[in-house]
Protein backbone atom coordinates (compact mmCIF):
# COMPACT_ATOMS: atom_id res chain seq x y z
CA MET A 1 0.00 0.00 0.00
CA ASP A 2 1.28 3.40 -0.88
CA GLY A 3 -1.18 5.49 1.15
CA SER A 4 -3.13 6.72 -1.86
CA PRO A 5 -6.94 6.84 -1.62
CA LEU A 6 -8.96 3.87 -2.85
CA ASN A 7 -11.01 4.27 -6.02
CA VAL A 8 -14.40 3.07 -4.70
CA LEU A 9 -16.80 2.51 -7.59
CA GLY A 10 -19.82 1.77 -5.39
CA SER A 11 -21.25 -0.06 -2.41
CA ALA A 12 -24.24 -2.32 -1.82
CA SER A 13 -25.59 -4.76 0.76
CA PHE A 14 -25.38 -8.42 -0.31
CA ASN A 15 -25.99 -11.87 1.12
CA VAL A 16 -22.59 -13.57 1.25
CA ASN A 17 -22.42 -17.39 1.29
CA ILE A 18 -19.32 -19.01 2.77
CA PHE A 19 -19.24 -22.71 3.72
CA SER A 20 -23.07 -23.03 3.51
CA HIS A 21 -23.45 -20.08 5.91
CA SER A 22 -25.25 -16.97 4.67
CA VAL A 23 -24.73 -13.48 6.12
CA ASN A 24 -25.70 -10.00 4.95
CA HIS A 25 -22.86 -7.50 4.62
CA ASP A 26 -22.04 -4.21 2.88
CA ILE A 27 -19.68 -4.83 -0.05
CA HIS A 28 -17.49 -2.12 -1.58
CA VAL A 29 -16.28 -2.37 -5.18
CA VAL A 30 -12.79 -0.90 -5.56
CA ARG A 31 -10.87 -0.44 -8.81
CA GLY A 32 -7.19 -1.39 -9.00
CA LEU A 33 -6.84 -3.84 -6.09
CA SER A 34 -4.17 -6.52 -6.34
CA ASN A 35 -6.71 -9.16 -5.15
CA HIS A 36 -10.21 -9.91 -6.43
CA LEU A 37 -11.63 -10.05 -2.90
CA ILE A 38 -10.50 -8.81 0.49
CA ILE A 39 -12.39 -9.95 3.59
CA GLY A 40 -11.91 -7.20 6.15
CA PHE A 41 -11.62 -7.42 9.91
CA ASP A 42 -15.08 -5.83 10.19
CA PHE A 43 -16.60 -8.84 8.40
CA ILE A 44 -14.54 -11.34 10.41
CA THR A 45 -15.54 -9.91 13.79
CA LYS A 46 -19.17 -9.04 12.96
CA HIS A 47 -20.02 -12.51 11.65
CA GLY A 48 -17.84 -14.71 13.88
CA LEU A 49 -15.42 -15.97 11.24
CA SER A 50 -12.28 -17.53 12.74
CA LEU A 51 -8.85 -18.00 11.20
CA ASP A 52 -6.22 -20.57 12.13
CA ALA A 53 -3.02 -19.37 10.45
CA GLY A 54 -1.06 -22.38 11.68
CA LYS A 55 -3.44 -24.80 9.94
CA ASN A 56 -4.24 -22.39 7.08
CA THR A 57 -7.99 -22.79 7.72
CA VAL A 58 -11.06 -20.57 8.07
CA PHE A 59 -14.21 -21.57 9.97
CA TRP A 60 -17.29 -20.14 11.66
CA SER A 61 -16.73 -19.83 15.40
CA HIS A 62 -20.44 -20.36 16.13
CA LYS A 63 -23.06 -22.75 14.78
CA SER A 64 -26.00 -20.38 14.59
CA GLY A 65 -27.98 -19.80 11.41
CA SER A 66 -27.89 -16.69 9.25
CA THR A 67 -27.01 -13.43 10.96
């Protein structure tokens, strides 16, 4: 990152499906990113997604239904 502002093309609220778990979240479309998708810390904490860097895995930390 070079500190320059992001070129946000738009934002919308979408249902996101990960591992058969559906959540609603605001998605921002940004031009010129080096990755197609970035899952931010806001998404991770709001929806209870857990990361295990040692095992290179991602999982839901709770077993509730859609949030």
